[in-house]
Amino acid sequence: MGEDGRSIKYLGLAIPHPEHVHAFLAVQVSEEMLDDYLAEAIDLRFVFKRPKRNRYFLFTLDNENAGRFSLKEIGEIDEEWLPEAGFFSRSHTELENTTYATQQPSTLDIGIDGRWDIQDLSQFPNKFADAYSFMHAMRPSNQRGADESLGELFERYPWRGGFSTVGFYNDLYFRIPRPQRLAVKEIQYASPGTIKITAIPDIAAEIQTMVEAINSDWRKVQEAYKELHNGMSLREFLGRSHREVTLDNNDKAFLERATKALCKVIGFKYLARVHKLVGSDWLATAKIIASFYRRIEELADFYESGKANFV
């Protein structure tokens, strides 16, 4: 793998060529496709069959100059040059060095019991993925401009409900680098059974802590959520964008107090980060925290009912 002066990434593949002993076929790859390939979501043949901008290049080791090579665009390729199907990144003799090395996911066992229907098999992973995506966004990033980009995402949606919520969590999930996303390793459906997924351990642990906090004092948690929700409803903040509402000092004081109370009872430790990401807007902060709580609560129901358990 290499890149040009504009930081566009390329993958190269050694090929037999009648005129050059050390010839390589190269294609441009997007960050997303490279992530997919390194995470074994696609094989190398797919990368070369679907190159960025449908362009192919040829280079040889004979024209090396201070570690750089000249690329020659070619119009057609020989089908025999393409790698065989099923060649995934694990087949490399040397692993690509990535920025994710210190944050590798590990296998998480989720015990399941009782009778699960199709809706359960959809709802549980979706809510876990939403919670995981949100908590991943709470982690500091060493990538330049990451927080600025994340802040734009947090401020992008009007938070009237419905589309805003679904779009927000989908966007958060696809911001996660492919190697750190949730992946299903195994499902054994029985009573009891197991779902094995890969996840970053400390994120999974924080989700477990909040689930246990909700189930250990459910009434107190419900009271904290209802105070926040009912207070926003009474002030006619629900169904309206935070850009359409002008908060007075009493409104801000209520939202700050009620949101902090909800975060405290569920053990959410990143309220200050959320508040900063939305430009210090307490209404947007409150709506985001409320939506996150509802997802954690639905997960907590699975555990409290016995359908899921921590192994």
Protein backbone atom coordinates (compact mmCIF):
# COMPACT_ATOMS: atom_id res chain seq x y z
CA MET A 1 0.00 0.00 0.00
CA GLY A 2 1.16 3.55 -0.72
CA GLU A 3 -0.12 7.05 -1.32
CA ASP A 4 0.55 9.92 -3.68
CA GLY A 5 1.31 13.57 -2.97
CA ARG A 6 -2.39 14.27 -2.38
CA SER A 7 -2.63 11.51 0.26
CA ILE A 8 -4.76 9.34 -2.04
CA LYS A 9 -4.16 5.71 -1.08
CA TYR A 10 -3.29 2.92 -3.52
CA LEU A 11 -3.09 -0.85 -3.29
CA GLY A 12 -0.63 -2.66 -5.52
CA LEU A 13 -0.61 -6.24 -6.73
CA ALA A 14 2.31 -8.07 -8.37
CA ILE A 15 1.36 -9.30 -11.85
CA PRO A 16 3.01 -11.26 -14.69
CA HIS A 17 3.93 -8.85 -17.48
CA PRO A 18 5.61 -9.62 -20.82
CA GLU A 19 7.78 -6.49 -20.76
CA HIS A 20 8.65 -6.07 -17.06
CA VAL A 21 9.95 -8.57 -14.52
CA HIS A 22 8.73 -6.62 -11.48
CA ALA A 23 5.37 -5.22 -12.59
CA PHE A 24 2.50 -4.20 -10.35
CA LEU A 25 -1.15 -3.36 -10.93
CA ALA A 26 -2.38 -0.52 -8.72
CA VAL A 27 -5.80 0.93 -7.88
CA GLN A 28 -6.95 3.88 -5.81
CA VAL A 29 -8.87 2.94 -2.64
CA SER A 30 -11.11 5.06 -0.46
CA GLU A 31 -10.68 5.11 3.32
CA GLU A 32 -13.96 3.23 3.68
CA MET A 33 -12.97 0.46 1.26
CA LEU A 34 -9.54 0.16 2.86
CA ASP A 35 -11.16 -0.16 6.29
CA ASP A 36 -13.51 -2.83 4.92
CA TYR A 37 -10.62 -4.76 3.40
CA LEU A 38 -8.43 -4.63 6.52
CA ALA A 39 -11.43 -5.72 8.59
CA GLU A 40 -12.02 -8.71 6.25
CA ALA A 41 -15.44 -7.44 5.23
CA ILE A 42 -14.40 -7.68 1.56
CA ASP A 43 -11.69 -9.63 -0.22
CA LEU A 44 -8.85 -8.30 -2.37
CA ARG A 45 -10.55 -9.31 -5.61
CA PHE A 46 -13.49 -7.02 -4.80
CA VAL A 47 -11.09 -4.11 -4.19
CA PHE A 48 -9.53 -4.59 -7.62
CA LYS A 49 -12.88 -5.23 -9.34
CA ARG A 50 -14.36 -2.00 -7.92
CA PRO A 51 -11.48 0.50 -7.95
CA LYS A 52 -12.06 4.13 -7.08
CA ARG A 53 -13.13 6.01 -10.25
CA ASN A 54 -12.73 2.74 -12.15
CA ARG A 55 -9.09 3.52 -12.93
CA TYR A 56 -6.14 1.10 -13.17
CA PHE A 57 -2.44 1.91 -13.06
CA LEU A 58 0.76 0.07 -13.83
CA PHE A 59 4.14 0.60 -12.18
CA THR A 60 7.40 -1.30 -11.99
CA LEU A 61 10.21 -1.51 -9.49
CA ASP A 62 12.61 -0.57 -12.26
CA ASN A 63 11.57 3.10 -12.22
CA GLU A 64 11.95 3.70 -8.47
CA ASN A 65 13.22 7.16 -7.50
CA ALA A 66 13.91 7.88 -3.81
CA GLY A 67 11.18 5.51 -2.73
CA ARG A 68 8.63 6.80 -5.25
CA PHE A 69 7.27 5.17 -8.40
CA SER A 70 5.70 6.55 -11.55
CA LEU A 71 2.17 5.33 -12.25
CA LYS A 72 0.97 4.78 -15.79
CA GLU A 73 -2.79 4.65 -16.28
CA ILE A 74 -3.95 1.74 -18.42
CA GLY A 75 -7.34 1.27 -20.03
CA GLU A 76 -7.74 -2.49 -19.90
CA ILE A 77 -6.48 -5.23 -17.65
CA ASP A 78 -6.00 -8.94 -18.07
CA GLU A 79 -8.51 -10.97 -16.06
CA GLU A 80 -5.64 -13.22 -14.98
CA TRP A 81 -4.08 -10.30 -13.14
CA LEU A 82 -6.93 -10.17 -10.61
CA PRO A 83 -6.48 -12.01 -7.30
CA GLU A 84 -8.50 -15.11 -6.62
CA ALA A 85 -11.75 -14.82 -4.70
CA GLY A 86 -11.42 -15.38 -0.96
CA PHE A 87 -8.05 -13.66 -0.49
CA PHE A 88 -8.69 -11.59 2.65
CA SER A 89 -6.31 -9.34 4.56
CA ARG A 90 -5.55 -12.13 7.04
CA SER A 91 -3.62 -13.85 4.22
CA HIS A 92 -0.92 -11.15 4.26
CA THR A 93 2.46 -12.25 5.56
CA GLU A 94 2.83 -8.84 7.25
CA LEU A 95 -0.02 -7.01 8.93
CA GLU A 96 -0.67 -3.41 8.01
CA ASN A 97 0.20 -1.07 10.87
CA THR A 98 -2.94 0.89 11.80
CA THR A 99 -3.84 3.53 14.34
CA TYR A 100 -6.21 1.09 16.01
CA ALA A 101 -3.58 -1.19 17.50
CA THR A 102 -4.14 -0.05 21.08
CA GLN A 103 -7.93 -0.24 20.79
CA GLN A 104 -8.52 -3.71 19.44
CA PRO A 105 -11.92 -5.26 20.17
CA SER A 106 -12.19 -8.55 22.01
CA THR A 107 -14.91 -11.17 22.17
CA LEU A 108 -17.89 -10.39 24.39
CA ASP A 109 -20.23 -13.22 25.42
CA ILE A 110 -23.88 -12.29 25.92
CA GLY A 111 -25.94 -15.02 27.49
CA ILE A 112 -29.49 -15.41 26.18
CA ASP A 113 -32.37 -17.39 27.61
CA GLY A 114 -36.10 -17.77 27.26
CA ARG A 115 -37.91 -17.44 23.94
CA TRP A 116 -36.67 -14.82 21.48
CA ASP A 117 -38.74 -13.84 18.47
CA ILE A 118 -37.59 -12.12 15.28
CA GLN A 119 -38.28 -8.68 16.75
CA ASP A 120 -36.04 -9.44 19.74
CA LEU A 121 -33.22 -10.56 17.44
CA SER A 122 -33.51 -7.22 15.65
CA GLN A 123 -34.15 -4.92 18.61
CA PHE A 124 -31.40 -6.11 20.94
CA PRO A 125 -28.48 -5.73 18.47
CA ASN A 126 -29.85 -2.39 17.23
CA LYS A 127 -30.08 -0.88 20.70
CA PHE A 128 -26.70 -2.27 21.68
CA ALA A 129 -25.18 -0.82 18.49
CA ASP A 130 -26.75 2.59 19.21
CA ALA A 131 -25.41 2.61 22.76
CA TYR A 132 -21.99 1.40 21.58
CA SER A 133 -21.83 4.08 18.87
CA PHE A 134 -22.70 6.84 21.31
CA MET A 135 -20.16 5.68 23.88
CA HIS A 136 -17.51 5.33 21.18
CA ALA A 137 -18.08 9.00 20.32
CA MET A 138 -17.33 9.88 23.93
CA ARG A 139 -13.78 8.57 23.58
CA PRO A 140 -11.08 11.12 22.78
CA SER A 141 -9.60 10.78 19.31
CA ASN A 142 -6.03 11.44 18.28
CA GLN A 143 -7.09 12.19 14.70
CA ARG A 144 -6.74 15.83 13.70
CA GLY A 145 -10.09 17.59 13.45
CA ALA A 146 -12.03 14.60 14.81
CA ASP A 147 -13.84 16.55 17.54
CA GLU A 148 -14.71 19.38 15.15
CA SER A 149 -16.24 16.89 12.73
CA LEU A 150 -18.07 15.13 15.56
CA GLY A 151 -19.40 18.46 16.83
CA GLU A 152 -20.82 19.17 13.38
CA LEU A 153 -22.65 15.83 13.53
CA PHE A 154 -24.05 16.54 17.01
CA GLU A 155 -25.29 19.94 15.88
CA ARG A 156 -26.55 18.82 12.49
CA TYR A 157 -29.92 17.41 13.50
CA PRO A 158 -32.89 19.51 14.67
CA TRP A 159 -33.88 16.93 17.33
CA ARG A 160 -37.62 17.02 16.77
CA GLY A 161 -37.70 13.22 17.08
CA GLY A 162 -38.07 10.43 14.53
CA PHE A 163 -35.71 11.05 11.63
CA SER A 164 -33.27 13.06 13.74
CA THR A 165 -32.76 10.21 16.18
CA VAL A 166 -32.39 7.44 13.60
CA GLY A 167 -30.06 9.48 11.40
CA PHE A 168 -27.94 10.57 14.34
CA TYR A 169 -27.19 7.05 15.58
CA ASN A 170 -26.61 5.72 12.06
CA ASP A 171 -24.09 8.49 11.43
CA LEU A 172 -22.36 7.79 14.73
CA TYR A 173 -22.02 4.10 13.91
CA PHE A 174 -20.48 4.68 10.49
CA ARG A 175 -17.95 7.08 12.00
CA ILE A 176 -16.47 4.19 13.96
CA PRO A 177 -13.37 2.78 12.21
CA ARG A 178 -14.30 -0.57 10.70
CA PRO A 179 -11.96 -2.64 12.93
CA GLN A 180 -13.65 -1.22 16.05
CA ARG A 181 -17.27 -1.79 14.98
CA LEU A 182 -19.40 -4.52 16.49
CA ALA A 183 -19.15 -7.84 14.69
CA VAL A 184 -21.09 -11.05 15.29
CA LYS A 185 -18.76 -14.00 15.86
CA GLU A 186 -21.29 -16.66 16.76
CA ILE A 187 -24.95 -17.13 17.70
CA GLN A 188 -26.04 -20.22 19.56
CA TYR A 189 -29.78 -20.08 20.08
CA ALA A 190 -30.85 -22.33 22.91
CA SER A 191 -32.18 -22.06 26.44
CA PRO A 192 -29.62 -21.00 27.56
CA GLY A 193 -27.69 -19.83 24.51
CA THR A 194 -24.98 -17.30 23.65
CA ILE A 195 -24.34 -14.42 21.29
CA LYS A 196 -20.64 -13.76 20.76
CA ILE A 197 -19.69 -10.34 19.43
CA THR A 198 -16.47 -8.36 19.19
CA ALA A 199 -16.43 -4.98 20.92
CA ILE A 200 -13.97 -2.64 22.59
CA PRO A 201 -13.92 -3.99 26.16
CA ASP A 202 -14.11 -0.74 28.12
CA ILE A 203 -17.06 0.52 26.06
CA ALA A 204 -18.92 -2.75 26.66
CA ALA A 205 -18.09 -2.49 30.38
CA GLU A 206 -19.50 1.04 30.58
CA ILE A 207 -22.72 -0.08 28.89
CA GLN A 208 -22.98 -2.95 31.39
CA THR A 209 -22.47 -0.53 34.30
CA MET A 210 -25.34 1.68 33.11
CA VAL A 211 -27.63 -1.29 32.47
CA GLU A 212 -26.99 -2.52 36.01
CA ALA A 213 -27.54 0.97 37.44
CA ILE A 214 -30.96 1.18 35.77
CA ASN A 215 -32.04 -2.24 36.93
CA SER A 216 -30.74 -1.79 40.48
CA ASP A 217 -32.93 1.27 41.17
CA TRP A 218 -35.44 1.36 38.33
CA ARG A 219 -38.02 3.58 40.07
CA LYS A 220 -35.48 6.27 40.93
CA VAL A 221 -34.14 6.25 37.37
CA GLN A 222 -37.67 6.47 35.96
CA GLU A 223 -38.43 9.44 38.18
CA ALA A 224 -35.33 11.26 36.93
CA TYR A 225 -36.22 10.60 33.29
CA LYS A 226 -39.86 11.58 33.74
CA GLU A 227 -38.88 14.84 35.40
CA LEU A 228 -36.73 15.75 32.40
CA HIS A 229 -39.22 14.53 29.79
CA ASN A 230 -42.31 16.01 31.45
CA GLY A 231 -40.51 19.30 32.03
CA MET A 232 -39.63 19.57 28.34
CA SER A 233 -43.20 18.62 27.39
CA LEU A 234 -44.69 21.24 29.73
CA ARG A 235 -42.47 23.89 28.17
CA GLU A 236 -43.44 22.67 24.67
CA PHE A 237 -39.86 21.79 23.78
CA LEU A 238 -40.68 18.33 22.42
CA GLY A 239 -41.28 18.18 18.69
CA ARG A 240 -39.48 21.49 18.21
CA SER A 241 -35.90 22.06 17.15
CA HIS A 242 -33.54 23.61 19.65
CA ARG A 243 -33.03 26.28 16.98
CA GLU A 244 -36.73 27.19 17.18
CA VAL A 245 -36.74 27.71 20.95
CA THR A 246 -35.43 30.62 22.95
CA LEU A 247 -34.47 29.54 26.45
CA ASP A 248 -34.70 31.89 29.40
CA ASN A 249 -32.56 31.48 32.49
CA ASN A 250 -35.18 29.36 34.25
CA ASP A 251 -35.40 27.01 31.28
CA LYS A 252 -31.62 26.60 31.17
CA ALA A 253 -31.45 26.00 34.91
CA PHE A 254 -34.16 23.32 34.74
CA LEU A 255 -32.60 21.53 31.77
CA GLU A 256 -29.15 21.57 33.33
CA ARG A 257 -30.38 20.29 36.70
CA ALA A 258 -32.68 17.58 35.30
CA THR A 259 -30.16 16.35 32.74
CA LYS A 260 -27.41 16.13 35.34
CA ALA A 261 -29.76 14.21 37.65
CA LEU A 262 -30.54 11.64 34.95
CA CYS A 263 -26.87 11.19 34.07
CA LYS A 264 -26.00 10.69 37.72
CA VAL A 265 -28.52 7.93 38.39
CA ILE A 266 -27.54 5.92 35.30
CA GLY A 267 -23.80 6.49 35.74
CA PHE A 268 -23.19 8.40 32.50
CA LYS A 269 -19.91 10.29 32.97
CA TYR A 270 -19.60 12.32 29.77
CA LEU A 271 -22.27 15.01 30.07
CA ALA A 272 -19.71 17.81 29.80
CA ARG A 273 -18.44 16.36 26.51
CA VAL A 274 -21.95 16.13 25.03
CA HIS A 275 -22.71 19.68 26.14
CA LYS A 276 -19.53 20.92 24.45
CA LEU A 277 -20.22 19.00 21.23
CA VAL A 278 -23.61 20.71 20.81
CA GLY A 279 -22.19 24.17 21.33
CA SER A 280 -23.23 24.45 25.00
CA ASP A 281 -26.95 24.27 24.13
CA TRP A 282 -28.82 22.77 27.08
CA LEU A 283 -31.95 21.85 25.13
CA ALA A 284 -29.98 19.88 22.52
CA THR A 285 -27.95 18.31 25.33
CA ALA A 286 -31.10 17.25 27.20
CA LYS A 287 -32.73 15.74 24.11
CA ILE A 288 -29.61 13.77 23.17
CA ILE A 289 -29.15 12.42 26.70
CA ALA A 290 -32.84 11.47 26.86
CA SER A 291 -32.60 9.58 23.55
CA PHE A 292 -29.47 7.77 24.72
CA TYR A 293 -31.15 6.85 28.00
CA ARG A 294 -34.13 5.31 26.19
CA ARG A 295 -31.79 2.98 24.32
CA ILE A 296 -29.96 1.94 27.46
CA GLU A 297 -33.31 1.37 29.19
CA GLU A 298 -34.48 -0.96 26.41
CA LEU A 299 -31.26 -2.95 26.80
CA ALA A 300 -31.81 -3.03 30.55
CA ASP A 301 -35.25 -4.57 29.97
CA PHE A 302 -33.65 -7.51 28.15
CA TYR A 303 -31.34 -8.17 31.11
CA GLU A 304 -33.94 -7.63 33.82
CA SER A 305 -36.41 -9.96 32.09
CA GLY A 306 -33.83 -12.75 31.94
CA LYS A 307 -33.65 -12.82 28.15
CA ALA A 308 -30.05 -11.60 28.30
CA ASN A 309 -27.37 -11.84 30.94
CA PHE A 310 -23.75 -10.86 31.46
CA VAL A 311 -21.47 -13.88 31.15
